[in-house]
Every structure is written in structure tokens, then in C-alpha cells.
Protein backbone atom coordinates (compact mmCIF):
# COMPACT_ATOMS: atom_id res chain seq x y z
CA MET A 1 172.47 69.92 69.49
CA ILE A 2 171.50 73.57 69.87
CA GLY A 3 168.24 74.74 71.01
CA HIS A 4 165.40 73.63 73.17
CA PRO A 5 164.83 70.01 73.83
CA ALA A 6 161.86 68.42 72.57
CA GLY A 7 160.39 68.22 76.29
CA GLY A 8 160.97 72.05 76.68
CA ASP A 9 159.13 72.53 73.38
CA HIS A 10 156.28 70.54 74.36
CA ARG A 11 155.88 72.25 77.60
CA ARG A 12 156.14 75.73 75.89
CA ARG A 13 153.29 74.77 73.51
CA ARG A 14 150.96 73.59 76.31
CA LEU A 15 151.71 76.50 77.98
CA GLN A 16 150.96 78.87 75.13
CA VAL A 17 147.52 76.84 74.64
CA THR A 18 146.38 77.05 78.40
CA ALA A 19 147.31 80.87 78.34
CA SER A 20 145.46 81.22 75.12
CA ALA A 21 142.41 79.24 76.41
CA ALA A 22 142.40 80.99 79.51
CA SER A 23 142.35 84.23 77.81
CA PHE A 24 139.54 83.23 75.42
CA VAL A 25 137.38 81.98 78.45
CA VAL A 26 138.04 85.58 80.28
CA LEU A 27 137.18 87.75 77.21
CA PHE A 28 134.24 85.39 76.19
CA ALA A 29 132.54 85.63 79.71
CA ALA A 30 133.48 89.52 80.18
CA LEU A 31 131.69 90.27 76.87
CA LEU A 32 128.76 87.75 77.48
CA ILE A 33 128.00 89.51 81.00
CA ILE A 34 128.19 92.78 79.48
CA MET A 35 126.10 92.35 76.58
CA LEU A 36 123.34 90.07 77.87
CA PRO A 37 120.62 90.08 77.14
CA ASN A 38 121.42 91.06 73.68
CA PRO A 39 120.96 88.20 71.16
CA TRP A 40 124.54 88.91 69.70
CA ALA A 41 126.19 88.46 72.80
CA LEU A 42 127.33 84.74 72.20
CA LEU A 43 128.55 85.61 68.85
CA ALA A 44 130.12 88.53 70.04
CA GLY A 45 131.96 86.60 72.82
CA LEU A 46 133.04 84.06 70.53
CA VAL A 47 134.72 86.45 68.20
CA PHE A 48 136.39 88.81 70.82
CA GLY A 49 137.46 85.80 72.86
CA GLY A 50 138.79 84.20 69.61
CA ALA A 51 140.81 87.24 68.84
CA GLY A 52 142.45 87.77 72.32
CA ALA A 53 143.15 84.04 72.23
CA ALA A 54 144.95 84.48 68.99
CA ALA A 55 146.68 87.29 70.29
CA THR A 56 148.07 85.72 73.22
CA TYR A 57 149.35 82.61 71.52
CA GLY A 58 150.94 84.99 68.92
CA THR A 59 152.80 86.96 71.51
CA MET A 60 153.95 84.08 73.39
CA SER A 61 155.11 82.55 70.09
CA GLY A 62 157.12 85.57 69.20
CA MET A 63 158.68 85.73 72.76
CA ALA A 64 159.59 82.13 72.70
CA GLN A 65 161.16 82.60 69.26
CA SER A 66 163.00 85.75 70.06
CA SER A 67 164.42 83.83 73.25
CA GLN A 68 165.64 81.15 70.78
CA ARG A 69 167.33 83.65 68.63
CA ARG A 70 169.25 85.09 71.55
CA THR A 71 170.26 81.90 72.66
CA GLN A 72 171.28 80.68 69.17
CA ALA A 73 173.40 84.07 68.99
CA LEU A 74 174.91 83.70 72.41
CA THR A 75 176.26 80.16 71.37
CA ASP A 76 177.41 81.08 68.25
CA ASP A 77 179.27 83.88 70.03
CA GLN A 78 180.92 81.38 72.41
CA LYS A 79 181.97 78.82 69.71
CA ARG A 80 183.87 81.70 68.05
CA LEU A 81 185.52 82.95 70.90
CA ARG A 82 186.43 79.38 72.23
CA GLN A 83 188.18 78.73 68.85
CA GLU A 84 190.21 82.02 69.09
CA LEU A 85 191.05 81.05 72.66
CA ALA A 86 192.13 77.69 71.32
CA SER A 87 194.46 79.49 68.75
CA LEU A 88 195.72 81.64 71.15
CA THR A 89 196.72 78.50 73.70
CA GLU A 90 198.46 76.94 70.49
CA THR A 91 200.41 79.82 69.65
CA ILE A 92 201.51 80.23 73.38
CA ARG A 93 202.49 76.58 73.66
CA THR A 94 204.46 76.24 70.32
CA ARG A 95 206.17 79.75 70.39
CA SER A 96 207.03 79.60 74.17
CA ASP A 97 210.70 79.52 73.37
CA LYS A 98 210.34 83.24 71.85
CA LEU A 99 208.33 84.52 74.84
CA PRO A 100 210.08 85.77 78.28
CA PRO A 101 209.77 82.71 80.58
CA SER A 102 208.26 85.27 83.48
CA THR A 103 205.23 85.88 81.03
CA GLN A 104 204.45 82.38 80.06
CA GLY A 105 202.49 81.48 83.08
CA GLN A 106 200.77 84.86 83.18
CA LEU A 107 199.73 84.27 79.43
CA ARG A 108 198.14 80.59 80.01
CA MET A 109 196.44 81.82 83.01
CA MET A 110 194.58 84.55 81.34
CA VAL A 111 193.79 82.31 78.59
CA VAL A 112 192.13 80.00 81.33
CA GLY A 113 190.34 83.10 82.77
CA LEU A 114 189.27 84.21 79.71
CA GLU A 115 187.74 80.66 79.01
CA GLU A 116 185.74 80.68 82.30
CA ILE A 117 184.52 84.17 81.26
CA VAL A 118 183.27 82.75 77.82
CA GLU A 119 181.91 79.57 79.59
CA ARG A 120 179.63 82.11 81.62
CA TRP A 121 179.00 84.40 78.72
CA SER A 122 175.21 84.55 79.53
CA THR A 123 176.13 86.52 82.75
CA LEU A 124 177.37 89.24 80.57
CA GLU A 125 174.45 89.44 78.35
CA ARG A 126 172.95 92.53 79.89
CA LEU A 127 176.43 94.12 80.04
CA ALA A 128 177.08 94.83 76.24
CA GLU A 129 180.08 96.99 76.74
CA GLN A 130 181.71 94.44 79.01
CA GLN A 131 180.96 91.53 76.36
CA ASP A 132 182.71 93.75 73.76
CA ALA A 133 185.79 94.30 75.81
CA VAL A 134 186.18 90.69 76.65
CA ARG A 135 185.47 89.82 72.93
CA MET A 136 187.81 92.53 71.58
CA THR A 137 190.72 91.08 74.16
CA ILE A 138 190.29 87.69 72.67
CA THR A 139 190.17 88.50 69.14
CA ARG A 140 192.07 91.70 68.85
CA HIS A 141 194.14 92.88 71.86
CA LEU A 142 195.83 89.75 73.23
CA PRO A 143 196.43 88.06 69.60
CA ARG A 144 198.03 91.52 68.38
CA THR A 145 200.22 91.86 71.44
CA LEU A 146 201.78 88.57 71.06
CA GLU A 147 202.11 89.14 67.34
CA LEU A 148 204.02 92.39 67.84
CA PHE A 149 206.56 90.85 70.16
CA LEU A 150 206.94 87.61 68.37
CA GLU A 151 207.60 89.25 65.10
CA LEU A 152 210.52 91.08 66.71
CA PRO A 153 213.90 89.83 65.65
CA ASP A 154 215.45 87.64 68.39
CA SER A 155 218.24 90.07 68.77
CA ALA A 156 215.68 92.71 69.82
CA LYS A 157 213.49 90.77 72.19
CA PRO A 158 215.75 91.18 75.32
CA THR A 159 215.26 95.15 74.74
CA HIS A 160 211.33 95.19 74.54
CA ALA A 161 210.89 92.08 76.87
CA ARG A 162 210.20 94.28 79.79
CA GLU A 163 207.59 96.44 78.22
CA PHE A 164 206.02 93.16 77.02
CA LYS A 165 206.04 91.70 80.53
CA GLU A 166 204.33 94.87 81.88
CA GLN A 167 201.55 94.79 79.06
CA VAL A 168 200.89 91.31 80.00
CA GLY A 169 200.76 91.88 83.59
CA LEU A 170 198.41 94.88 83.26
CA LEU A 171 196.04 92.54 80.92
CA ALA A 172 196.41 89.36 83.29
CA GLU A 173 195.34 91.36 86.18
CA ALA A 174 192.26 92.87 84.45
CA VAL A 175 191.34 89.46 82.92
CA ALA A 176 191.56 87.78 86.38
CA LYS A 177 189.55 90.63 88.11
CA THR A 178 186.84 90.37 85.69
CA ARG A 179 186.83 86.29 85.67
CA ASP A 180 186.37 86.61 89.51
CA THR A 181 183.57 89.24 89.13
CA VAL A 182 181.73 86.93 86.47
CA VAL A 183 182.25 83.81 88.33
CA ALA A 184 180.63 85.45 91.43
CA LYS A 185 178.05 87.24 89.33
CA ASN A 186 178.39 90.53 90.70
CA LEU A 187 176.82 92.74 87.82
CA GLN A 188 177.17 95.94 89.90
CA ALA A 189 181.00 95.15 90.16
CA LEU A 190 181.15 94.76 86.58
CA ARG A 191 179.51 97.94 85.69
CA THR A 192 182.00 99.84 87.79
CA ASN A 193 185.03 97.55 86.74
CA ARG A 194 186.59 99.66 83.59
CA TRP A 195 190.11 97.84 83.93
CA LEU A 196 189.41 95.26 81.14
CA LEU A 197 187.32 97.41 78.97
CA GLU A 198 189.91 100.40 78.97
CA GLU A 199 192.76 97.99 78.23
CA SER A 200 191.06 95.87 75.46
CA LEU A 201 189.81 99.15 73.64
CA THR A 202 193.34 100.67 73.39
CA ASP A 203 194.98 99.85 70.31
CA PRO A 204 197.85 97.33 70.81
CA ASP A 205 199.59 99.06 67.58
CA GLU A 206 199.66 102.34 69.40
CA LYS A 207 200.40 101.23 72.89
CA LEU A 208 202.85 98.58 72.95
CA PHE A 209 206.58 99.26 72.40
CA ARG A 210 205.46 102.93 71.35
CA ASP A 211 208.48 104.34 73.00
CA HIS A 212 210.48 102.57 70.65
CA GLY A 213 208.53 103.38 67.58
CA LEU A 214 207.39 100.01 66.70
């Protein structure tokens, strides 16, 4: 089930109430000290303290809701990407007889590496450009690369096998490098690692087999 567990919600609400109460006490006491002996000090303290407590509770509630929305979006993104990877795995498995044998292991390992990156998706939350690169690799670049080769007539596949293998090799290397960096949670290395981003954002229709007019 997606979302915070009941215990987490209870602790969060208790923290919000505690912080709001502390805000009330501090503001009430401060205004009381400032205004005494004014007869309106008590009422002013109650009003000012109550407003502060309400503002504190509202702010914390808004932050909690924002965090829940980010978590939900992250989970939904992971679910979609896992489905795409499952589809890629199925294509590689069922069409293996149409793929160069030397690329099959690389393709499977590439999918495994992408699965590990998606499993640690939150690590890339602060690196939107890297998330976009991985997302495009999974949903666009790798599927289209496979599609272009598999759609070739069997008689033409040997002619283009070498270029296909080179493309798969470059992409597999980029995915492996990014996977290792994500597992290590080295965000600085991810910021300077442009391999996967550059490969993923290159339109495969323009790059793959372009020398052959495909």
C-alpha cells in the first residue's frame, strides 16, 4: 500500500500538535511579558499565540502533504519504468533468435542495471536531468534501437549487426557507469557523468544505421 503507515501518520500529527503548542506558549508568554501590566495583555497573548500555533500547524501540514505528493509521484514513476523494463526483457527473450548473439548478454545486463537504477530512483530526485536521461533510455532510446534492428529483413541484419553491436556497447557502458554511481550514491560523479544523458537524448532514428539511410 502506497503512503505513510498509520504509525508514521500518528507520529507526524503528534509532532505537529507539539510544535503548535510550543509556538503558542512562546508567543503567548512573549506578548504577555511585553504588554504587562496592560489589562489586555492576557487576551492579546491568547490571540497572538493562537494565530502562531495555527500558522505552525498549517505550515507543517503543508510540508507533510507536499512530501506525500512527491513520494506518490516517485512511486508512480518507478511503477511505469518497471513495466517498460519488463516489456524490454520480454522482447529480448522472445526475439533473441533475431539478435546478434554477442549483444544478448549486454542487453540483459543493461536491463538489470536499469532496474537497479530505478530501484534507487529517489537517489536521483535532486538530479532531474539524470532522471530524464534514464527515463528516456528506458522508454525511448533502448526500445527504438531494438525495434529498428528487429524490423530489418533477416537478409539485411548481418550487414547492420556491427553497427548495432557498437550502439548497444556504448549504451551498455553508459548504463553500467551510471548504475555503479547511483549504487555508490555519488551525486557529484553523477553531475559530471554526461555519458548516459548524451546517449539517451540522441534520437535513435537519426543515429542508428544513419550511414545506411535507414
